[in-house]
Amino acid sequence: MHFDVFTALTASSSVVLLLSGVFAFFWHRHANSPWLRYWALAYLAIGIGNALTIFSPVSPRPLGFAAGTAVFFIGFGLIWQGTRAFEGRKPRWGALAVAVFGLPWLFALPDVQSHPPLRVGLMSAIMAAGLALAAWETWRGRGEGLPSKLPLAAMLAVAAATVLARAPFGAAAAFPIGARKADDIVVIVLIGGLVVLAIILAMLVLSVTLERAEKSQRDLAALDPMTALLNRRGIEAVFADGKLPAGDALILFDLDRFKQVNDTFGHAAGDVLIRAFALICREELRQVDHASRFGGEEFALVLARTDARTAVKLAERVRDRYGRLVVEIDGGAVVGTVSGGVFAAPPDEPVWFTAAVAAADRALYQAKAAGRNRIVSAERGATPVTSRDFDERCIALEARAASA
């Protein structure tokens, strides 16, 4: 069976151009996804460049072939830039300009034009470089948690390897049309295989785009709109197994006499205090910690790998900073205080999150009952103590150990 090479190559360019239109459609629907624009332009350039480089005569117009090659390289460079845009990185226009305006002139040289294996090998290496860079950019962002990201990185790597593997078959390629009889197997591999890869890559790019959009919606649903902290559902979702990890600590805060503030100064004053307290919490926490508005004027902090003593000290810093905060509302000064309850999971045993919340809540209740504006630690199997007593006890133990 013999293939009509002209028809096959025309069909491949048409498929790539059609996929460019698909990307353009989705970019129009998802204007906040600029990487789709890069991919639309990339497929457009590859489709046009593919036609120009394949169908342009070798002579007497070698510059036409070089121009087609430049357009072709723009496409593969834009694939690289598209993956960078998806990862929120700046484009590398300098490197792309070198590839587009420098390398194509190599293909206008008579020795290159008259040596098909060399020409195909150079083009394959440059195309593979663009795909390999795109695979690397995608692999670097694998921690985002999108299911299709790793398959996309893998498929980009496969595409790079496939393109590079075609170099040894340059002598059997049918480029330009009419130069010689094409080998049917080579036509199947070079045209059919690459078109299939182009389709798979398009599907994966659209898939990761939709996955990120869905993830953004889930993240918004897990955030408190007033403070931008996690809401209760969001903080509970952090612990997929429902357990507070061993060695982690939980702090529950409750703004004292918050209803009285709202009744006296209005809800605007209460909103200011809530946002101010949320900002204090965010500034005191590390990246590995989590803060949430548990509901109303109640907040929950989860501190990774933190013992009770350290958690109490952090809670005291938050309490002190909030207590020194003065908010001016309609010429009046609003000052708030906060109470907190601390629970620390044992270093070798996780605790059900609901049980940790209950323990911290009991400590918080004791802080409220003891006069508010204080921190109480719920030590397991012991009577909860105030943070000051807890620190004094730790200092006494350290002094005893030092004198021993």
Protein backbone atom coordinates (compact mmCIF):
# COMPACT_ATOMS: atom_id res chain seq x y z
CA MET A 1 0.00 0.00 0.00
CA HIS A 2 1.35 3.45 -0.96
CA PHE A 3 0.39 6.71 0.74
CA ASP A 4 -0.30 9.98 -1.05
CA VAL A 5 2.34 12.02 0.77
CA PHE A 6 0.96 15.38 -0.32
CA THR A 7 -2.51 14.50 1.03
CA ALA A 8 -1.10 13.09 4.28
CA LEU A 9 1.02 16.16 4.97
CA THR A 10 -1.82 18.50 4.11
CA ALA A 11 -4.10 16.60 6.47
CA SER A 12 -1.55 16.82 9.29
CA SER A 13 -1.26 20.60 8.92
CA SER A 14 -5.06 20.87 8.82
CA VAL A 15 -5.42 18.91 12.08
CA VAL A 16 -2.88 21.13 13.83
CA LEU A 17 -4.61 24.27 12.57
CA LEU A 18 -7.96 22.90 13.75
CA LEU A 19 -6.49 22.30 17.22
CA SER A 20 -5.27 25.90 17.17
CA GLY A 21 -8.89 26.95 16.71
CA VAL A 22 -9.94 24.73 19.63
CA PHE A 23 -7.36 26.43 21.86
CA ALA A 24 -8.55 29.84 20.69
CA PHE A 25 -12.15 28.92 21.54
CA PHE A 26 -11.24 27.81 25.05
CA TRP A 27 -9.07 30.91 25.54
CA HIS A 28 -12.10 33.02 24.65
CA ARG A 29 -14.14 31.11 27.24
CA HIS A 30 -11.35 31.25 29.87
CA ALA A 31 -9.82 34.70 29.41
CA ASN A 32 -7.97 34.34 32.74
CA SER A 33 -5.95 31.45 31.26
CA PRO A 34 -3.31 33.23 29.13
CA TRP A 35 -1.40 30.01 28.46
CA LEU A 36 -4.21 28.93 26.12
CA ARG A 37 -3.36 31.91 23.93
CA TYR A 38 0.24 30.70 23.73
CA TRP A 39 -0.87 27.20 22.78
CA ALA A 40 -3.33 28.53 20.18
CA LEU A 41 -0.59 30.61 18.56
CA ALA A 42 1.88 27.73 18.88
CA TYR A 43 -0.34 25.31 16.99
CA LEU A 44 -1.13 28.00 14.41
CA ALA A 45 2.58 28.62 13.81
CA ILE A 46 3.38 24.90 13.67
CA GLY A 47 0.58 24.29 11.17
CA ILE A 48 1.71 27.12 8.91
CA GLY A 49 5.42 26.40 9.36
CA ASN A 50 4.84 22.71 8.69
CA ALA A 51 3.27 23.52 5.33
CA LEU A 52 5.93 26.05 4.37
CA THR A 53 8.94 23.92 5.28
CA ILE A 54 7.57 20.81 3.63
CA PHE A 55 6.13 22.28 0.46
CA SER A 56 8.67 25.05 -0.25
CA PRO A 57 11.06 24.09 -3.04
CA VAL A 58 14.67 23.63 -2.07
CA SER A 59 15.74 25.81 -4.97
CA PRO A 60 15.76 28.39 -6.36
CA ARG A 61 14.03 29.93 -3.27
CA PRO A 62 15.88 28.70 -0.15
CA LEU A 63 14.90 31.83 1.79
CA GLY A 64 11.26 30.72 1.60
CA PHE A 65 12.23 27.47 3.27
CA ALA A 66 14.15 29.39 5.97
CA ALA A 67 11.14 31.63 6.60
CA GLY A 68 8.92 28.58 6.99
CA THR A 69 11.43 27.09 9.41
CA ALA A 70 11.38 30.31 11.48
CA VAL A 71 7.59 30.14 11.75
CA PHE A 72 7.89 26.48 12.69
CA PHE A 73 10.37 27.26 15.47
CA ILE A 74 8.11 30.03 16.76
CA GLY A 75 5.47 27.37 17.35
CA PHE A 76 7.69 25.13 19.43
CA GLY A 77 9.07 28.14 21.29
CA LEU A 78 5.51 29.22 22.14
CA ILE A 79 4.79 25.76 23.55
CA TRP A 80 7.67 26.34 25.96
CA GLN A 81 6.37 29.83 26.80
CA GLY A 82 2.85 28.45 27.24
CA THR A 83 4.01 26.00 29.92
CA ARG A 84 5.91 28.83 31.64
CA ALA A 85 2.76 30.97 31.60
CA PHE A 86 0.77 28.13 33.15
CA GLU A 87 3.29 27.96 35.99
CA GLY A 88 3.13 31.74 36.49
CA ARG A 89 6.66 32.34 35.19
CA LYS A 90 7.79 35.17 32.96
CA PRO A 91 8.36 34.45 29.24
CA ARG A 92 11.88 34.04 27.90
CA TRP A 93 11.61 36.14 24.78
CA GLY A 94 15.40 36.47 24.35
CA ALA A 95 15.97 32.74 23.97
CA LEU A 96 12.98 32.47 21.66
CA ALA A 97 14.26 35.32 19.47
CA VAL A 98 17.64 33.62 19.08
CA ALA A 99 15.97 30.38 17.96
CA VAL A 100 13.59 32.13 15.58
CA PHE A 101 15.86 34.65 13.91
CA GLY A 102 19.21 32.88 14.16
CA LEU A 103 18.78 29.17 13.59
CA PRO A 104 16.56 29.14 10.45
CA TRP A 105 19.32 30.72 8.36
CA LEU A 106 21.30 27.52 8.79
CA PHE A 107 18.69 25.79 6.67
CA ALA A 108 19.19 28.28 3.84
CA LEU A 109 22.81 27.17 3.42
CA PRO A 110 23.31 25.10 0.25
CA ASP A 111 25.12 22.29 2.07
CA VAL A 112 22.23 21.90 4.52
CA GLN A 113 19.59 22.16 1.81
CA SER A 114 21.27 19.45 -0.23
CA HIS A 115 21.71 17.09 2.72
CA PRO A 116 18.28 15.83 3.91
CA PRO A 117 19.55 13.83 6.91
CA LEU A 118 21.40 16.86 8.24
CA ARG A 119 18.40 19.12 7.65
CA VAL A 120 15.98 16.75 9.36
CA GLY A 121 18.43 16.15 12.21
CA LEU A 122 18.84 19.88 12.93
CA MET A 123 15.11 20.51 12.84
CA SER A 124 14.44 17.52 15.06
CA ALA A 125 16.98 18.65 17.66
CA ILE A 126 15.54 22.18 17.85
CA MET A 127 11.95 20.93 18.04
CA ALA A 128 12.89 18.39 20.71
CA ALA A 129 14.62 21.13 22.73
CA GLY A 130 11.42 23.21 22.82
CA LEU A 131 9.33 20.22 23.90
CA ALA A 132 11.90 19.12 26.49
CA LEU A 133 11.96 22.61 28.04
CA ALA A 134 8.15 22.55 28.17
CA ALA A 135 8.26 19.14 29.88
CA TRP A 136 10.74 20.50 32.43
CA GLU A 137 8.59 23.55 33.22
CA THR A 138 5.56 21.32 33.75
CA TRP A 139 7.50 18.85 35.90
CA ARG A 140 8.73 21.69 38.12
CA GLY A 141 5.11 22.57 38.95
CA ARG A 142 4.02 19.02 39.75
CA GLY A 143 3.35 19.93 43.40
CA GLU A 144 0.18 21.81 42.48
CA GLY A 145 -1.82 18.62 42.76
CA LEU A 146 -3.53 18.66 39.34
CA PRO A 147 -4.11 15.05 38.16
CA SER A 148 -3.29 15.75 34.51
CA LYS A 149 -0.07 17.66 35.13
CA LEU A 150 2.25 14.67 35.44
CA PRO A 151 0.77 12.97 32.33
CA LEU A 152 1.24 16.26 30.47
CA ALA A 153 4.90 16.45 31.52
CA ALA A 154 5.38 12.81 30.52
CA MET A 155 3.70 13.29 27.15
CA LEU A 156 5.80 16.38 26.41
CA ALA A 157 8.90 14.29 27.17
CA VAL A 158 7.61 11.48 24.92
CA ALA A 159 6.96 14.01 22.15
CA ALA A 160 10.51 15.37 22.52
CA ALA A 161 11.96 11.86 22.34
CA THR A 162 9.78 10.96 19.36
CA VAL A 163 10.77 14.07 17.44
CA LEU A 164 14.43 13.49 18.21
CA ALA A 165 14.18 9.82 17.19
CA ARG A 166 13.07 10.78 13.69
CA ALA A 167 16.49 12.30 12.91
CA PRO A 168 18.09 9.01 11.77
CA PHE A 169 15.28 8.60 9.20
CA GLY A 170 16.01 11.90 7.46
CA ALA A 171 17.25 10.14 4.34
CA ALA A 172 13.88 8.41 3.94
CA ALA A 173 11.80 11.57 4.43
CA ALA A 174 9.86 12.99 1.50
CA PHE A 175 10.70 16.64 2.09
CA PRO A 176 10.23 18.63 -0.03
CA ILE A 177 7.41 17.10 -2.04
CA GLY A 178 8.56 15.48 -5.23
CA ALA A 179 12.22 15.26 -4.23
CA ARG A 180 12.08 11.48 -4.10
CA LYS A 181 9.78 8.57 -3.33
CA ALA A 182 8.76 8.40 0.32
CA ASP A 183 8.98 5.31 2.46
CA ASP A 184 5.51 4.32 3.67
CA ILE A 185 6.63 3.34 7.18
CA VAL A 186 8.46 6.63 7.61
CA VAL A 187 5.35 8.51 6.51
CA ILE A 188 3.27 6.68 9.13
CA VAL A 189 5.74 7.41 11.93
CA LEU A 190 6.59 11.01 11.05
CA ILE A 191 3.11 12.16 10.19
CA GLY A 192 0.61 9.91 11.97
CA GLY A 193 2.59 9.60 15.20
CA LEU A 194 3.25 13.31 15.54
CA VAL A 195 -0.37 14.19 14.81
CA VAL A 196 -1.54 11.78 17.50
CA LEU A 197 0.91 13.37 19.95
CA ALA A 198 -0.38 16.81 19.03
CA ILE A 199 -3.95 15.73 19.76
CA ILE A 200 -3.02 14.11 23.10
CA LEU A 201 -1.06 17.20 24.18
CA ALA A 202 -4.02 19.44 23.34
CA MET A 203 -6.35 17.25 25.40
CA LEU A 204 -4.00 17.28 28.40
CA VAL A 205 -3.47 21.05 28.27
CA LEU A 206 -7.22 21.64 28.24
CA SER A 207 -7.59 19.07 31.03
CA VAL A 208 -5.11 20.80 33.37
CA THR A 209 -6.79 24.13 32.58
CA LEU A 210 -10.19 22.81 33.65
CA GLU A 211 -8.67 21.10 36.70
CA ARG A 212 -7.09 24.35 37.85
CA ALA A 213 -10.40 26.17 37.38
CA GLU A 214 -12.18 23.54 39.49
CA LYS A 215 -9.45 23.71 42.13
CA SER A 216 -9.82 27.49 42.30
CA GLN A 217 -13.54 27.09 42.88
CA ARG A 218 -12.92 24.57 45.65
CA ASP A 219 -10.35 26.85 47.23
CA LEU A 220 -12.79 29.75 47.17
CA ALA A 221 -15.44 27.57 48.81
CA ALA A 222 -12.96 26.75 51.59
CA LEU A 223 -12.08 30.40 52.32
CA ASP A 224 -13.75 32.93 54.56
CA PRO A 225 -14.47 35.96 52.33
CA MET A 226 -13.95 38.55 55.08
CA THR A 227 -10.53 37.41 56.30
CA ALA A 228 -9.25 35.24 53.40
CA LEU A 229 -8.47 32.57 56.00
CA LEU A 230 -9.77 29.03 55.72
CA ASN A 231 -13.31 28.53 56.94
CA ARG A 232 -14.27 25.60 59.17
CA ARG A 233 -14.82 23.26 56.25
CA GLY A 234 -11.49 24.36 54.80
CA ILE A 235 -9.47 23.66 57.95
CA GLU A 236 -11.17 20.30 58.43
CA ALA A 237 -10.39 19.39 54.80
CA VAL A 238 -6.68 19.87 55.53
CA PHE A 239 -6.81 16.65 57.54
CA ALA A 240 -8.10 14.15 55.02
CA ASP A 241 -7.98 11.29 57.54
CA GLY A 242 -9.79 13.34 60.19
CA LYS A 243 -6.81 13.34 62.56
CA LEU A 244 -4.56 16.02 63.99
CA PRO A 245 -1.04 14.71 63.23
CA ALA A 246 1.19 13.61 66.09
CA GLY A 247 3.19 16.50 67.46
CA ASP A 248 0.87 19.20 66.06
CA ALA A 249 -0.92 21.76 68.20
CA LEU A 250 -4.36 23.35 67.95
CA ILE A 251 -5.30 26.78 69.31
CA LEU A 252 -8.88 27.99 69.54
CA PHE A 253 -9.38 31.74 69.95
CA ASP A 254 -12.57 33.58 70.78
CA LEU A 255 -12.82 37.39 70.72
CA ASP A 256 -14.05 38.54 74.13
CA ARG A 257 -17.39 40.33 74.46
CA PHE A 258 -17.70 40.57 70.71
CA LYS A 259 -21.49 40.94 70.78
CA GLN A 260 -21.10 43.89 73.09
CA VAL A 261 -18.71 45.53 70.62
CA ASN A 262 -21.24 45.08 67.81
CA ASP A 263 -24.11 46.39 69.94
CA THR A 264 -22.14 49.43 71.10
CA PHE A 265 -20.13 50.43 68.05
CA GLY A 266 -21.94 48.66 65.22
CA HIS A 267 -21.07 45.70 63.03
CA ALA A 268 -18.55 47.76 61.07
CA ALA A 269 -16.36 47.95 64.18
CA GLY A 270 -16.75 44.20 64.70
CA ASP A 271 -15.71 43.53 61.11
CA VAL A 272 -12.60 45.67 61.56
CA LEU A 273 -11.62 43.73 64.68
CA ILE A 274 -12.15 40.38 62.94
CA ARG A 275 -9.98 41.38 59.98
CA ALA A 276 -7.32 42.81 62.29
CA PHE A 277 -7.19 39.63 64.35
CA ALA A 278 -6.95 37.53 61.18
CA LEU A 279 -4.01 39.65 60.01
CA ILE A 280 -2.22 39.16 63.34
CA CYS A 281 -2.67 35.40 63.10
CA ARG A 282 -1.38 35.31 59.53
CA GLU A 283 1.70 37.30 60.47
CA GLU A 284 2.53 35.03 63.41
CA LEU A 285 2.22 31.74 61.53
CA ARG A 286 4.71 29.86 59.37
CA GLN A 287 3.97 28.53 55.90
CA VAL A 288 3.46 25.03 57.27
CA ASP A 289 0.78 26.22 59.72
CA HIS A 290 -2.91 26.80 59.05
CA ALA A 291 -5.28 29.53 60.22
CA SER A 292 -9.05 29.54 59.94
CA ARG A 293 -12.05 31.54 60.94
CA PHE A 294 -13.89 28.76 62.69
CA GLY A 295 -17.14 30.66 62.82
CA GLY A 296 -18.30 34.11 63.89
CA GLU A 297 -15.65 35.53 66.21
CA GLU A 298 -13.93 32.18 66.78
CA PHE A 299 -10.61 31.26 65.13
CA ALA A 300 -8.59 28.05 64.97
CA LEU A 301 -4.85 27.75 64.36
CA VAL A 302 -3.08 24.49 63.62
CA LEU A 303 0.65 24.55 64.27
CA ALA A 304 2.75 21.84 62.63
CA ARG A 305 5.30 20.03 64.80
CA THR A 306 4.70 22.29 67.79
CA ASP A 307 4.61 21.29 71.45
CA ALA A 308 2.27 22.76 74.06
CA ARG A 309 4.78 25.21 75.45
CA THR A 310 5.61 26.73 72.07
CA ALA A 311 1.94 26.85 71.12
CA VAL A 312 1.09 28.69 74.33
CA LYS A 313 3.84 31.24 73.70
CA LEU A 314 2.54 31.91 70.21
CA ALA A 315 -1.01 32.22 71.53
CA GLU A 316 0.22 34.72 74.10
CA ARG A 317 1.91 36.79 71.40
CA VAL A 318 -1.33 36.88 69.43
CA ARG A 319 -3.32 37.77 72.56
CA ASP A 320 -0.87 40.54 73.47
CA ARG A 321 -0.80 42.08 69.99
CA TYR A 322 -4.57 42.04 69.72
CA GLY A 323 -4.99 43.53 73.19
CA ARG A 324 -2.80 46.49 72.23
CA LEU A 325 -4.85 47.17 69.11
CA VAL A 326 -6.95 50.35 69.15
CA VAL A 327 -9.53 50.93 66.40
CA GLU A 328 -11.04 54.37 65.85
CA ILE A 329 -14.72 54.20 64.94
CA ASP A 330 -16.79 57.41 64.65
CA GLY A 331 -14.50 59.23 67.02
CA GLY A 332 -14.54 56.43 69.59
CA ALA A 333 -11.77 54.00 70.47
CA VAL A 334 -12.54 50.28 70.30
CA VAL A 335 -10.24 47.95 72.21
CA GLY A 336 -10.71 44.19 72.19
CA THR A 337 -9.32 41.22 74.06
CA VAL A 338 -9.19 37.55 73.17
CA SER A 339 -9.16 34.25 75.05
CA GLY A 340 -7.60 31.04 73.82
CA GLY A 341 -7.43 27.32 74.47
CA VAL A 342 -4.45 25.21 73.46
CA PHE A 343 -4.24 21.49 72.80
CA ALA A 344 -1.10 19.67 71.65
CA ALA A 345 -1.21 16.14 70.27
CA PRO A 346 1.32 13.68 71.74
CA PRO A 347 4.56 13.49 69.74
CA ASP A 348 3.98 9.84 68.89
CA GLU A 349 0.22 9.62 68.47
CA PRO A 350 -2.26 11.43 66.21
CA VAL A 351 -5.56 12.59 67.68
CA TRP A 352 -8.97 12.77 66.07
CA PHE A 353 -9.46 16.37 64.97
CA THR A 354 -12.89 16.54 66.60
CA ALA A 355 -11.38 15.35 69.89
CA ALA A 356 -8.61 17.95 69.61
CA VAL A 357 -11.19 20.67 69.00
CA ALA A 358 -13.21 19.49 72.02
CA ALA A 359 -10.11 19.57 74.25
CA ALA A 360 -9.06 23.02 73.05
CA ASP A 361 -12.65 24.23 73.42
CA ARG A 362 -12.76 23.07 77.06
CA ALA A 363 -9.54 24.97 77.70
CA LEU A 364 -11.04 28.00 75.98
CA TYR A 365 -14.12 27.76 78.19
CA GLN A 366 -11.90 27.72 81.26
CA ALA A 367 -10.10 30.82 80.00
CA LYS A 368 -13.45 32.56 79.61
CA ALA A 369 -14.61 31.42 83.05
CA ALA A 370 -11.38 32.63 84.65
CA GLY A 371 -11.98 36.21 83.53
CA ARG A 372 -11.17 36.22 79.78
CA ASN A 373 -8.13 37.75 78.12
CA ARG A 374 -5.94 34.74 78.85
CA ILE A 375 -4.65 31.49 77.38
CA VAL A 376 -5.30 28.08 78.92
CA SER A 377 -3.49 24.89 77.93
CA ALA A 378 -5.33 21.57 77.97
CA GLU A 379 -2.57 19.20 79.04
CA ARG A 380 -3.57 15.58 78.59
CA GLY A 381 -4.36 13.89 81.88
CA ALA A 382 -3.67 17.02 83.95
CA THR A 383 -5.59 20.02 85.19
CA PRO A 384 -5.42 22.80 82.57
CA VAL A 385 -3.17 25.65 83.61
CA THR A 386 -2.83 29.24 82.49
CA SER A 387 0.02 30.08 80.15
CA ARG A 388 1.85 32.01 82.88
CA ASP A 389 1.72 29.03 85.24
CA PHE A 390 2.76 26.75 82.40
CA ASP A 391 5.81 28.87 81.60
CA GLU A 392 6.77 29.12 85.27
CA ARG A 393 6.52 25.34 85.63
CA CYS A 394 8.73 24.82 82.54
CA ILE A 395 11.29 27.34 83.82
CA ALA A 396 11.38 25.57 87.20
CA LEU A 397 11.93 22.20 85.52
CA GLU A 398 14.71 23.61 83.35
CA ALA A 399 16.39 25.18 86.41
CA ARG A 400 16.14 21.90 88.28
CA ALA A 401 17.66 20.01 85.35
CA ALA A 402 20.47 22.55 85.05
CA SER A 403 21.36 22.29 88.77
CA ALA A 404 21.24 18.49 88.81
